[in-house]
Amino acid sequence: MVDAQKLVLRGEYITLDALLKATGLAESGGRAKQIIAAGQVRVDGQVELRRGAKLRAGQEVEAGGMRVQVEASASDQSA
C-alpha cells in the first residue's frame, strides 16, 4: 500500500523538484535531482526524468513509497 498525501498549488503549477522538496520526499534540491535522474519518480504512472517538469492540478506523483496528488487551490477552483 502506498501512502498518499495532497499538495495544494499556490499558482498554476509546481516543478517536480520543488514538489519533492515541499512534500519532504527529498531533503534538498540536490537530492531531488538525484532521485529524478535515477528514474525513481513517476508522474501519472510514467517515469519522469525532467526535474523542471511542470505539474498541474489533477496530476499524481509517486516516489519513495509515497503518492502525492496535486490539487488546485480553492481560489483557482472557483475561477
Protein backbone atom coordinates (compact mmCIF):
# COMPACT_ATOMS: atom_id res chain seq x y z
CA MET A 1 0.00 0.00 0.00
CA VAL A 2 1.34 3.41 -1.00
CA ASP A 3 0.94 6.27 1.48
CA ALA A 4 -0.81 9.27 -0.05
CA GLN A 5 -0.80 12.99 0.61
CA LYS A 6 -2.13 16.08 -1.12
CA LEU A 7 -0.30 19.19 -2.26
CA VAL A 8 -2.39 22.29 -2.91
CA LEU A 9 -0.91 24.56 -5.57
CA ARG A 10 -0.26 28.21 -4.83
CA GLY A 11 -0.09 29.07 -8.52
CA GLU A 12 -0.74 27.44 -11.87
CA TYR A 13 1.94 24.76 -11.45
CA ILE A 14 4.88 23.49 -9.39
CA THR A 15 8.07 21.98 -10.76
CA LEU A 16 8.83 18.36 -9.96
CA ASP A 17 11.95 19.11 -7.91
CA ALA A 18 10.09 21.76 -5.89
CA LEU A 19 7.25 19.29 -5.21
CA LEU A 20 9.69 16.68 -3.92
CA LYS A 21 11.20 19.23 -1.53
CA ALA A 22 7.84 20.68 -0.44
CA THR A 23 6.42 17.25 0.42
CA GLY A 24 9.55 16.00 2.18
CA LEU A 25 10.25 13.31 -0.41
CA ALA A 26 13.68 14.95 -0.89
CA GLU A 27 15.52 16.84 1.83
CA SER A 28 17.26 19.17 -0.66
CA GLY A 29 17.24 20.27 -4.27
CA GLY A 30 20.35 18.20 -4.91
CA ARG A 31 18.71 15.09 -3.51
CA ALA A 32 15.58 15.76 -5.59
CA LYS A 33 17.76 15.96 -8.71
CA GLN A 34 19.41 12.61 -7.83
CA ILE A 35 16.08 10.85 -7.22
CA ILE A 36 14.66 12.15 -10.51
CA ALA A 37 17.81 11.31 -12.53
CA ALA A 38 17.79 7.77 -11.10
CA GLY A 39 14.31 7.21 -12.55
CA GLN A 40 12.73 6.79 -9.11
CA VAL A 41 9.89 9.26 -9.71
CA ARG A 42 6.68 8.60 -11.62
CA VAL A 43 4.21 11.23 -12.78
CA ASP A 44 0.80 9.85 -13.71
CA GLY A 45 2.34 6.36 -13.79
CA GLN A 46 5.21 7.24 -16.16
CA VAL A 47 8.87 7.68 -15.16
CA GLU A 48 9.73 11.40 -15.27
CA LEU A 49 13.37 12.43 -15.71
CA ARG A 50 12.90 16.23 -16.03
CA ARG A 51 13.37 17.98 -12.70
CA GLY A 52 11.70 21.10 -14.12
CA ALA A 53 8.61 19.23 -15.32
CA LYS A 54 5.57 21.43 -14.61
CA LEU A 55 2.95 19.66 -12.51
CA ARG A 56 -0.60 20.93 -12.54
CA ALA A 57 -3.79 20.15 -10.63
CA GLY A 58 -5.02 16.60 -11.16
CA GLN A 59 -1.60 15.05 -11.62
CA GLU A 60 -0.17 12.38 -9.34
CA VAL A 61 3.47 11.85 -8.36
CA GLU A 62 4.93 8.68 -6.85
CA ALA A 63 8.36 8.40 -5.23
CA GLY A 64 9.86 6.55 -2.29
CA GLY A 65 6.69 4.63 -1.49
CA MET A 66 4.66 7.85 -1.31
CA ARG A 67 1.99 9.21 -3.63
CA VAL A 68 1.23 12.93 -3.91
CA GLN A 69 -1.97 14.21 -5.50
CA VAL A 70 -1.59 17.75 -6.89
CA GLU A 71 -4.69 19.88 -6.28
CA ALA A 72 -5.76 23.36 -7.29
CA SER A 73 -6.11 25.98 -4.56
CA ALA A 74 -9.64 26.90 -3.51
CA SER A 75 -9.32 30.27 -5.27
CA ASP A 76 -8.30 28.55 -8.53
CA GLN A 77 -11.25 26.14 -8.36
CA SER A 78 -13.81 28.94 -8.10
CA ALA A 79 -12.39 30.90 -11.03
